[in-house]
Amino acid sequence: MDENVVAKTFVELADNGGAASDPPALLRLLADRCVDVLGVNAAGVLLADLSGELRVAAASRGQVRHLELFEVLEEEGPCLDCFRRGTAVAVLDVSMEAERWPRFVPQARRRGFAAVQALPMRCRSEVVGALNLFVADARHIEPFGSPIAQAMADIATISLVRQRSARRSERLTGQLQTALDSRIVIEQAKGKLAERYGTDMERAFLSLRGYARSHNRRLSDVAREVIAGRSSPPPPEEK
């Protein structure tokens, strides 16, 4: 194992300005680097969507993508077990697990894989997916989880969760800004109507709101038209 490659991989997986800022690129990088660093034949990543359903997120080879898709569709295999339990699953000889995974084992053997190791992608108590390593020769896989492989999965997971949190924060900020902008526009329209009709701000708002409701329009849209001089709600009724 080349220490320089390992160190570079950790930096790449954690780099906010690089692949870590792009979830699909991050997970593909993780799969590819597992092959480079760990010497496995192939690697793939299963990731849970917002509803908790697993999806094939990345694969170093098409054969692995097809095999993992088969696992998800059939709801059977070591990668599914790893995700559900949140613990590593190491199988040194898949042919010995035909009773446990009767549909998965023939598919894995058909694609030339003799052993598999699945590692949870976990951030604190949340399991978001599984990193799956496949080898053609069972002698070339370390049983019960490689510390380096788990560390790579952990770093990628932290980057992924951080990116998700940042996106949620951006959406919330955008929603708050939109609400603030709408409020400012409405206040400006209220002021314009109050000045036009010589009334107070409360009655000007009632006029604006009543006009919007009677025309089935958004209040903020009507307010913008009032400011631009394209809409003219009637004067507020006298109390």
C-alpha atoms as a PDB file:
ATOM      1  CA  MET A   1       0.000   0.000   0.000  1.00  0.00           C
ATOM      2  CA  ASP A   2       1.517   3.310  -1.152  1.00  0.00           C
ATOM      3  CA  GLU A   3       1.393   5.766   1.778  1.00  0.00           C
ATOM      4  CA  ASN A   4       1.544   8.742  -0.607  1.00  0.00           C
ATOM      5  CA  VAL A   5      -1.520   7.514  -2.470  1.00  0.00           C
ATOM      6  CA  VAL A   6      -3.358   6.933   0.825  1.00  0.00           C
ATOM      7  CA  ALA A   7      -2.537  10.423   2.072  1.00  0.00           C
ATOM      8  CA  LYS A   8      -3.576  12.013  -1.221  1.00  0.00           C
ATOM      9  CA  THR A   9      -6.821  10.059  -1.166  1.00  0.00           C
ATOM     10  CA  PHE A  10      -7.749  11.315   2.312  1.00  0.00           C
ATOM     11  CA  VAL A  11      -7.109  14.905   1.215  1.00  0.00           C
ATOM     12  CA  GLU A  12      -9.233  14.467  -1.921  1.00  0.00           C
ATOM     13  CA  LEU A  13     -12.131  12.969   0.012  1.00  0.00           C
ATOM     14  CA  ALA A  14     -12.104  15.842   2.525  1.00  0.00           C
ATOM     15  CA  ASP A  15     -11.443  18.724   0.089  1.00  0.00           C
ATOM     16  CA  ASN A  16     -14.467  21.051   0.125  1.00  0.00           C
ATOM     17  CA  GLY A  17     -13.352  22.730  -3.063  1.00  0.00           C
ATOM     18  CA  GLY A  18     -12.883  19.456  -4.942  1.00  0.00           C
ATOM     19  CA  ALA A  19     -14.876  16.249  -5.276  1.00  0.00           C
ATOM     20  CA  ALA A  20     -16.225  16.627  -1.722  1.00  0.00           C
ATOM     21  CA  SER A  21     -18.410  19.500  -2.957  1.00  0.00           C
ATOM     22  CA  ASP A  22     -20.019  17.262  -5.606  1.00  0.00           C
ATOM     23  CA  PRO A  23     -21.663  14.131  -4.090  1.00  0.00           C
ATOM     24  CA  PRO A  24     -21.690  11.994  -7.283  1.00  0.00           C
ATOM     25  CA  ALA A  25     -18.044  12.840  -7.973  1.00  0.00           C
ATOM     26  CA  LEU A  26     -17.141  12.204  -4.331  1.00  0.00           C
ATOM     27  CA  LEU A  27     -18.665   8.723  -4.304  1.00  0.00           C
ATOM     28  CA  ARG A  28     -17.137   7.777  -7.652  1.00  0.00           C
ATOM     29  CA  LEU A  29     -13.767   8.953  -6.325  1.00  0.00           C
ATOM     30  CA  LEU A  30     -14.253   6.793  -3.227  1.00  0.00           C
ATOM     31  CA  ALA A  31     -14.985   3.712  -5.336  1.00  0.00           C
ATOM     32  CA  ASP A  32     -12.045   4.297  -7.667  1.00  0.00           C
ATOM     33  CA  ARG A  33      -9.583   5.013  -4.866  1.00  0.00           C
ATOM     34  CA  CYS A  34     -10.597   1.842  -3.023  1.00  0.00           C
ATOM     35  CA  VAL A  35      -9.443  -0.109  -6.069  1.00  0.00           C
ATOM     36  CA  ASP A  36      -6.204   1.906  -6.284  1.00  0.00           C
ATOM     37  CA  VAL A  37      -5.356   1.887  -2.579  1.00  0.00           C
ATOM     38  CA  LEU A  38      -6.726  -1.408  -1.298  1.00  0.00           C
ATOM     39  CA  GLY A  39      -5.964  -3.602  -4.278  1.00  0.00           C
ATOM     40  CA  VAL A  40      -9.515  -4.936  -4.579  1.00  0.00           C
ATOM     41  CA  ASN A  41     -10.899  -5.755  -8.001  1.00  0.00           C
ATOM     42  CA  ALA A  42     -13.922  -3.504  -7.782  1.00  0.00           C
ATOM     43  CA  ALA A  43     -15.821  -1.231  -5.410  1.00  0.00           C
ATOM     44  CA  GLY A  44     -19.248   0.310  -5.225  1.00  0.00           C
ATOM     45  CA  VAL A  45     -21.350   2.559  -3.033  1.00  0.00           C
ATOM     46  CA  LEU A  46     -24.976   2.216  -2.012  1.00  0.00           C
ATOM     47  CA  LEU A  47     -26.533   5.400  -0.657  1.00  0.00           C
ATOM     48  CA  ALA A  48     -29.880   5.994   1.041  1.00  0.00           C
ATOM     49  CA  ASP A  49     -32.088   8.678  -0.470  1.00  0.00           C
ATOM     50  CA  LEU A  50     -34.177  11.103   1.582  1.00  0.00           C
ATOM     51  CA  SER A  51     -36.873   8.471   2.059  1.00  0.00           C
ATOM     52  CA  GLY A  52     -34.331   5.916   3.326  1.00  0.00           C
ATOM     53  CA  GLU A  53     -34.400   3.764   0.184  1.00  0.00           C
ATOM     54  CA  LEU A  54     -31.032   2.494  -1.040  1.00  0.00           C
ATOM     55  CA  ARG A  55     -29.751   3.534  -4.453  1.00  0.00           C
ATOM     56  CA  VAL A  56     -26.638   2.585  -6.411  1.00  0.00           C
ATOM     57  CA  ALA A  57     -24.595   5.775  -6.108  1.00  0.00           C
ATOM     58  CA  ALA A  58     -21.229   4.803  -7.610  1.00  0.00           C
ATOM     59  CA  ALA A  59     -19.265   1.855  -8.981  1.00  0.00           C
ATOM     60  CA  SER A  60     -15.760   1.386 -10.285  1.00  0.00           C
ATOM     61  CA  ARG A  61     -16.973  -1.133 -12.880  1.00  0.00           C
ATOM     62  CA  GLY A  62     -20.205  -1.785 -14.720  1.00  0.00           C
ATOM     63  CA  GLN A  63     -20.340  -5.344 -13.388  1.00  0.00           C
ATOM     64  CA  VAL A  64     -20.418  -4.043  -9.829  1.00  0.00           C
ATOM     65  CA  ARG A  65     -23.133  -1.514 -10.644  1.00  0.00           C
ATOM     66  CA  HIS A  66     -25.290  -4.304 -12.051  1.00  0.00           C
ATOM     67  CA  LEU A  67     -24.606  -6.552  -9.067  1.00  0.00           C
ATOM     68  CA  GLU A  68     -25.449  -3.846  -6.549  1.00  0.00           C
ATOM     69  CA  LEU A  69     -28.569  -2.918  -8.464  1.00  0.00           C
ATOM     70  CA  PHE A  70     -29.536  -6.594  -8.270  1.00  0.00           C
ATOM     71  CA  GLU A  71     -29.023  -6.516  -4.481  1.00  0.00           C
ATOM     72  CA  VAL A  72     -31.255  -3.471  -4.120  1.00  0.00           C
ATOM     73  CA  LEU A  73     -34.013  -4.867  -6.317  1.00  0.00           C
ATOM     74  CA  GLU A  74     -33.928  -8.306  -4.692  1.00  0.00           C
ATOM     75  CA  GLU A  75     -33.358  -6.860  -1.197  1.00  0.00           C
ATOM     76  CA  GLU A  76     -30.689  -9.464  -0.549  1.00  0.00           C
ATOM     77  CA  GLY A  77     -26.914  -9.499  -0.088  1.00  0.00           C
ATOM     78  CA  PRO A  78     -24.045  -8.449   2.181  1.00  0.00           C
ATOM     79  CA  CYS A  79     -24.283  -4.788   1.254  1.00  0.00           C
ATOM     80  CA  LEU A  80     -27.945  -4.669   2.274  1.00  0.00           C
ATOM     81  CA  ASP A  81     -27.151  -6.445   5.548  1.00  0.00           C
ATOM     82  CA  CYS A  82     -24.336  -4.002   6.255  1.00  0.00           C
ATOM     83  CA  PHE A  83     -26.600  -0.994   5.758  1.00  0.00           C
ATOM     84  CA  ARG A  84     -29.442  -2.401   7.810  1.00  0.00           C
ATOM     85  CA  ARG A  85     -27.272  -3.439  10.758  1.00  0.00           C
ATOM     86  CA  GLY A  86     -24.766  -0.599  10.564  1.00  0.00           C
ATOM     87  CA  THR A  87     -21.866  -3.043  10.947  1.00  0.00           C
ATOM     88  CA  ALA A  88     -19.207  -4.431   8.614  1.00  0.00           C
ATOM     89  CA  VAL A  89     -19.907  -7.663   6.745  1.00  0.00           C
ATOM     90  CA  ALA A  90     -16.968  -9.724   5.466  1.00  0.00           C
ATOM     91  CA  VAL A  91     -17.508 -12.826   3.364  1.00  0.00           C
ATOM     92  CA  LEU A  92     -14.310 -14.627   2.398  1.00  0.00           C
ATOM     93  CA  ASP A  93     -16.059 -17.146   0.165  1.00  0.00           C
ATOM     94  CA  VAL A  94     -19.452 -16.184  -1.250  1.00  0.00           C
ATOM     95  CA  SER A  95     -20.059 -19.739  -2.487  1.00  0.00           C
ATOM     96  CA  MET A  96     -20.425 -20.765   1.163  1.00  0.00           C
ATOM     97  CA  GLU A  97     -23.324 -18.332   1.654  1.00  0.00           C
ATOM     98  CA  ALA A  98     -25.774 -19.744  -0.895  1.00  0.00           C
ATOM     99  CA  GLU A  99     -28.311 -20.573   1.792  1.00  0.00           C
ATOM    100  CA  ARG A 100     -28.072 -17.103   3.300  1.00  0.00           C
ATOM    101  CA  TRP A 101     -28.245 -15.234  -0.045  1.00  0.00           C
ATOM    102  CA  PRO A 102     -29.613 -17.727  -2.597  1.00  0.00           C
ATOM    103  CA  ARG A 103     -30.107 -15.135  -5.342  1.00  0.00           C
ATOM    104  CA  PHE A 104     -27.083 -12.931  -4.714  1.00  0.00           C
ATOM    105  CA  VAL A 105     -24.403 -15.647  -4.618  1.00  0.00           C
ATOM    106  CA  PRO A 106     -24.925 -16.953  -8.186  1.00  0.00           C
ATOM    107  CA  GLN A 107     -24.905 -13.397  -9.494  1.00  0.00           C
ATOM    108  CA  ALA A 108     -21.633 -12.584  -7.707  1.00  0.00           C
ATOM    109  CA  ARG A 109     -19.947 -15.798  -8.907  1.00  0.00           C
ATOM    110  CA  ARG A 110     -21.163 -15.214 -12.465  1.00  0.00           C
ATOM    111  CA  ARG A 111     -19.386 -11.872 -12.433  1.00  0.00           C
ATOM    112  CA  GLY A 112     -16.160 -13.436 -11.150  1.00  0.00           C
ATOM    113  CA  PHE A 113     -16.264 -12.268  -7.536  1.00  0.00           C
ATOM    114  CA  ALA A 114     -15.249 -14.756  -4.860  1.00  0.00           C
ATOM    115  CA  ALA A 115     -15.367 -12.525  -1.774  1.00  0.00           C
ATOM    116  CA  VAL A 116     -16.983  -9.309  -0.645  1.00  0.00           C
ATOM    117  CA  GLN A 117     -16.540  -6.867   2.190  1.00  0.00           C
ATOM    118  CA  ALA A 118     -19.202  -4.270   3.019  1.00  0.00           C
ATOM    119  CA  LEU A 119     -18.472  -1.334   5.312  1.00  0.00           C
ATOM    120  CA  PRO A 120     -21.051   1.065   6.770  1.00  0.00           C
ATOM    121  CA  MET A 121     -20.967   4.717   5.794  1.00  0.00           C
ATOM    122  CA  ARG A 122     -21.886   6.234   9.113  1.00  0.00           C
ATOM    123  CA  CYS A 123     -21.802   9.711  10.624  1.00  0.00           C
ATOM    124  CA  ARG A 124     -22.328   9.462  14.364  1.00  0.00           C
ATOM    125  CA  SER A 125     -25.487   7.345  14.732  1.00  0.00           C
ATOM    126  CA  GLU A 126     -26.724   7.890  11.181  1.00  0.00           C
ATOM    127  CA  VAL A 127     -25.961   5.223   8.569  1.00  0.00           C
ATOM    128  CA  VAL A 128     -26.305   6.788   5.117  1.00  0.00           C
ATOM    129  CA  GLY A 129     -25.054   3.928   2.951  1.00  0.00           C
ATOM    130  CA  ALA A 130     -22.491   1.175   2.472  1.00  0.00           C
ATOM    131  CA  LEU A 131     -19.074   0.920   0.807  1.00  0.00           C
ATOM    132  CA  ASN A 132     -18.695  -2.440  -0.889  1.00  0.00           C
ATOM    133  CA  LEU A 133     -15.433  -4.114  -1.934  1.00  0.00           C
ATOM    134  CA  PHE A 134     -15.252  -7.081  -4.293  1.00  0.00           C
ATOM    135  CA  VAL A 135     -12.336  -9.400  -5.071  1.00  0.00           C
ATOM    136  CA  ALA A 136     -11.847 -12.307  -7.432  1.00  0.00           C
ATOM    137  CA  ASP A 137      -9.543 -14.198  -5.049  1.00  0.00           C
ATOM    138  CA  ALA A 138     -10.710 -14.673  -1.456  1.00  0.00           C
ATOM    139  CA  ARG A 139      -7.117 -14.697  -0.241  1.00  0.00           C
ATOM    140  CA  HIS A 140      -6.772 -11.033  -1.171  1.00  0.00           C
ATOM    141  CA  ILE A 141      -9.382  -9.583   1.148  1.00  0.00           C
ATOM    142  CA  GLU A 142      -8.787  -8.732   4.777  1.00  0.00           C
ATOM    143  CA  PRO A 143     -11.559 -10.182   6.957  1.00  0.00           C
ATOM    144  CA  PHE A 144     -13.820  -8.115   9.200  1.00  0.00           C
ATOM    145  CA  GLY A 145     -12.959  -4.744   7.790  1.00  0.00           C
ATOM    146  CA  SER A 146      -9.815  -2.909   6.798  1.00  0.00           C
ATOM    147  CA  PRO A 147      -9.069   0.138   8.994  1.00  0.00           C
ATOM    148  CA  ILE A 148      -7.955   2.069   5.908  1.00  0.00           C
ATOM    149  CA  ALA A 149     -11.126   1.186   3.992  1.00  0.00           C
ATOM    150  CA  GLN A 150     -13.325   2.162   6.938  1.00  0.00           C
ATOM    151  CA  ALA A 151     -11.416   5.408   7.359  1.00  0.00           C
ATOM    152  CA  MET A 152     -11.975   6.236   3.685  1.00  0.00           C
ATOM    153  CA  ALA A 153     -15.679   5.476   4.053  1.00  0.00           C
ATOM    154  CA  ASP A 154     -15.870   7.634   7.198  1.00  0.00           C
ATOM    155  CA  ILE A 155     -14.188  10.640   5.582  1.00  0.00           C
ATOM    156  CA  ALA A 156     -16.395  10.410   2.508  1.00  0.00           C
ATOM    157  CA  THR A 157     -19.481  10.154   4.722  1.00  0.00           C
ATOM    158  CA  ILE A 158     -18.512  13.230   6.741  1.00  0.00           C
ATOM    159  CA  SER A 159     -17.997  15.184   3.513  1.00  0.00           C
ATOM    160  CA  LEU A 160     -21.319  13.958   2.158  1.00  0.00           C
ATOM    161  CA  VAL A 161     -23.293  14.807   5.305  1.00  0.00           C
ATOM    162  CA  ARG A 162     -21.598  18.211   5.491  1.00  0.00           C
ATOM    163  CA  GLN A 163     -22.546  18.901   1.880  1.00  0.00           C
ATOM    164  CA  ARG A 164     -26.156  17.874   2.526  1.00  0.00           C
ATOM    165  CA  SER A 165     -26.294  20.171   5.559  1.00  0.00           C
ATOM    166  CA  ALA A 166     -24.860  23.043   3.533  1.00  0.00           C
ATOM    167  CA  ARG A 167     -27.474  22.570   0.835  1.00  0.00           C
ATOM    168  CA  ARG A 168     -30.279  22.464   3.385  1.00  0.00           C
ATOM    169  CA  SER A 169     -28.894  25.648   4.927  1.00  0.00           C
ATOM    170  CA  GLU A 170     -28.729  27.327   1.515  1.00  0.00           C
ATOM    171  CA  ARG A 171     -32.346  26.396   0.789  1.00  0.00           C
ATOM    172  CA  LEU A 172     -33.462  27.735   4.178  1.00  0.00           C
ATOM    173  CA  THR A 173     -31.501  30.961   3.669  1.00  0.00           C
ATOM    174  CA  GLY A 174     -33.074  31.359   0.236  1.00  0.00           C
ATOM    175  CA  GLN A 175     -36.551  30.841   1.643  1.00  0.00           C
ATOM    176  CA  LEU A 176     -35.935  33.369   4.414  1.00  0.00           C
ATOM    177  CA  GLN A 177     -34.559  35.899   1.934  1.00  0.00           C
ATOM    178  CA  THR A 178     -37.574  35.433  -0.322  1.00  0.00           C
ATOM    179  CA  ALA A 179     -39.907  35.980   2.623  1.00  0.00           C
ATOM    180  CA  LEU A 180     -37.980  39.082   3.667  1.00  0.00           C
ATOM    181  CA  ASP A 181     -38.018  40.500   0.139  1.00  0.00           C
ATOM    182  CA  SER A 182     -41.778  39.912  -0.090  1.00  0.00           C
ATOM    183  CA  ARG A 183     -42.344  41.642   3.243  1.00  0.00           C
ATOM    184  CA  ILE A 184     -40.326  44.664   2.127  1.00  0.00           C
ATOM    185  CA  VAL A 185     -42.300  44.910  -1.130  1.00  0.00           C
ATOM    186  CA  ILE A 186     -45.606  44.666   0.733  1.00  0.00           C
ATOM    187  CA  GLU A 187     -44.574  47.370   3.192  1.00  0.00           C
ATOM    188  CA  GLN A 188     -43.594  49.653   0.310  1.00  0.00           C
ATOM    189  CA  ALA A 189     -46.935  49.052  -1.412  1.00  0.00           C
ATOM    190  CA  LYS A 190     -48.802  49.740   1.850  1.00  0.00           C
ATOM    191  CA  GLY A 191     -46.962  53.036   2.182  1.00  0.00           C
ATOM    192  CA  LYS A 192     -47.783  54.021  -1.362  1.00  0.00           C
ATOM    193  CA  LEU A 193     -51.489  53.245  -0.926  1.00  0.00           C
ATOM    194  CA  ALA A 194     -51.636  54.988   2.456  1.00  0.00           C
ATOM    195  CA  GLU A 195     -50.155  58.131   0.903  1.00  0.00           C
ATOM    196  CA  ARG A 196     -52.407  57.926  -2.173  1.00  0.00           C
ATOM    197  CA  TYR A 197     -55.626  57.578  -0.186  1.00  0.00           C
ATOM    198  CA  GLY A 198     -54.640  59.585   2.900  1.00  0.00           C
ATOM    199  CA  THR A 199     -55.180  56.680   5.253  1.00  0.00           C
ATOM    200  CA  ASP A 200     -53.181  54.664   7.751  1.00  0.00           C
ATOM    201  CA  MET A 201     -50.959  51.666   7.018  1.00  0.00           C
ATOM    202  CA  GLU A 202     -53.381  49.120   8.499  1.00  0.00           C
ATOM    203  CA  ARG A 203     -56.265  50.146   6.250  1.00  0.00           C
ATOM    204  CA  ALA A 204     -53.937  50.351   3.275  1.00  0.00           C
ATOM    205  CA  PHE A 205     -52.928  46.745   3.939  1.00  0.00           C
ATOM    206  CA  LEU A 206     -56.588  45.668   4.130  1.00  0.00           C
ATOM    207  CA  SER A 207     -57.166  47.261   0.728  1.00  0.00           C
ATOM    208  CA  LEU A 208     -54.110  45.546  -0.740  1.00  0.00           C
ATOM    209  CA  ARG A 209     -55.003  42.157   0.710  1.00  0.00           C
ATOM    210  CA  GLY A 210     -58.650  42.399  -0.314  1.00  0.00           C
ATOM    211  CA  TYR A 211     -57.673  43.224  -3.894  1.00  0.00           C
ATOM    212  CA  ALA A 212     -55.249  40.283  -4.025  1.00  0.00           C
ATOM    213  CA  ARG A 213     -57.850  37.858  -2.674  1.00  0.00           C
ATOM    214  CA  SER A 214     -60.619  39.048  -4.988  1.00  0.00           C
ATOM    215  CA  HIS A 215     -58.331  38.529  -7.984  1.00  0.00           C
ATOM    216  CA  ASN A 216     -56.849  35.247  -6.677  1.00  0.00           C
ATOM    217  CA  ARG A 217     -53.348  36.729  -6.758  1.00  0.00           C
ATOM    218  CA  ARG A 218     -50.331  36.469  -4.507  1.00  0.00           C
ATOM    219  CA  LEU A 219     -50.095  39.431  -2.168  1.00  0.00           C
ATOM    220  CA  SER A 220     -46.438  40.064  -3.015  1.00  0.00           C
ATOM    221  CA  ASP A 221     -47.164  40.045  -6.774  1.00  0.00           C
ATOM    222  CA  VAL A 222     -49.929  42.616  -6.370  1.00  0.00           C
ATOM    223  CA  ALA A 223     -47.663  44.697  -4.148  1.00  0.00           C
ATOM    224  CA  ARG A 224     -44.986  44.798  -6.857  1.00  0.00           C
ATOM    225  CA  GLU A 225     -47.565  45.909  -9.410  1.00  0.00           C
ATOM    226  CA  VAL A 226     -48.787  48.657  -7.077  1.00  0.00           C
ATOM    227  CA  ILE A 227     -45.234  49.944  -6.673  1.00  0.00           C
ATOM    228  CA  ALA A 228     -44.716  49.829 -10.452  1.00  0.00           C
ATOM    229  CA  GLY A 229     -48.042  51.584 -11.049  1.00  0.00           C
ATOM    230  CA  ARG A 230     -49.621  48.631 -12.875  1.00  0.00           C
ATOM    231  CA  SER A 231     -52.309  47.856 -10.260  1.00  0.00           C
ATOM    232  CA  SER A 232     -54.581  50.144  -8.330  1.00  0.00           C
ATOM    233  CA  PRO A 233     -56.594  48.630  -5.505  1.00  0.00           C
ATOM    234  CA  PRO A 234     -59.697  50.636  -4.615  1.00  0.00           C
ATOM    235  CA  PRO A 235     -59.559  53.004  -1.643  1.00  0.00           C
ATOM    236  CA  PRO A 236     -60.125  51.317   1.709  1.00  0.00           C
ATOM    237  CA  GLU A 237     -63.687  51.409   2.958  1.00  0.00           C
ATOM    238  CA  GLU A 238     -64.458  53.888   5.695  1.00  0.00           C
ATOM    239  CA  LYS A 239     -65.019  52.363   9.119  1.00  0.00           C
END
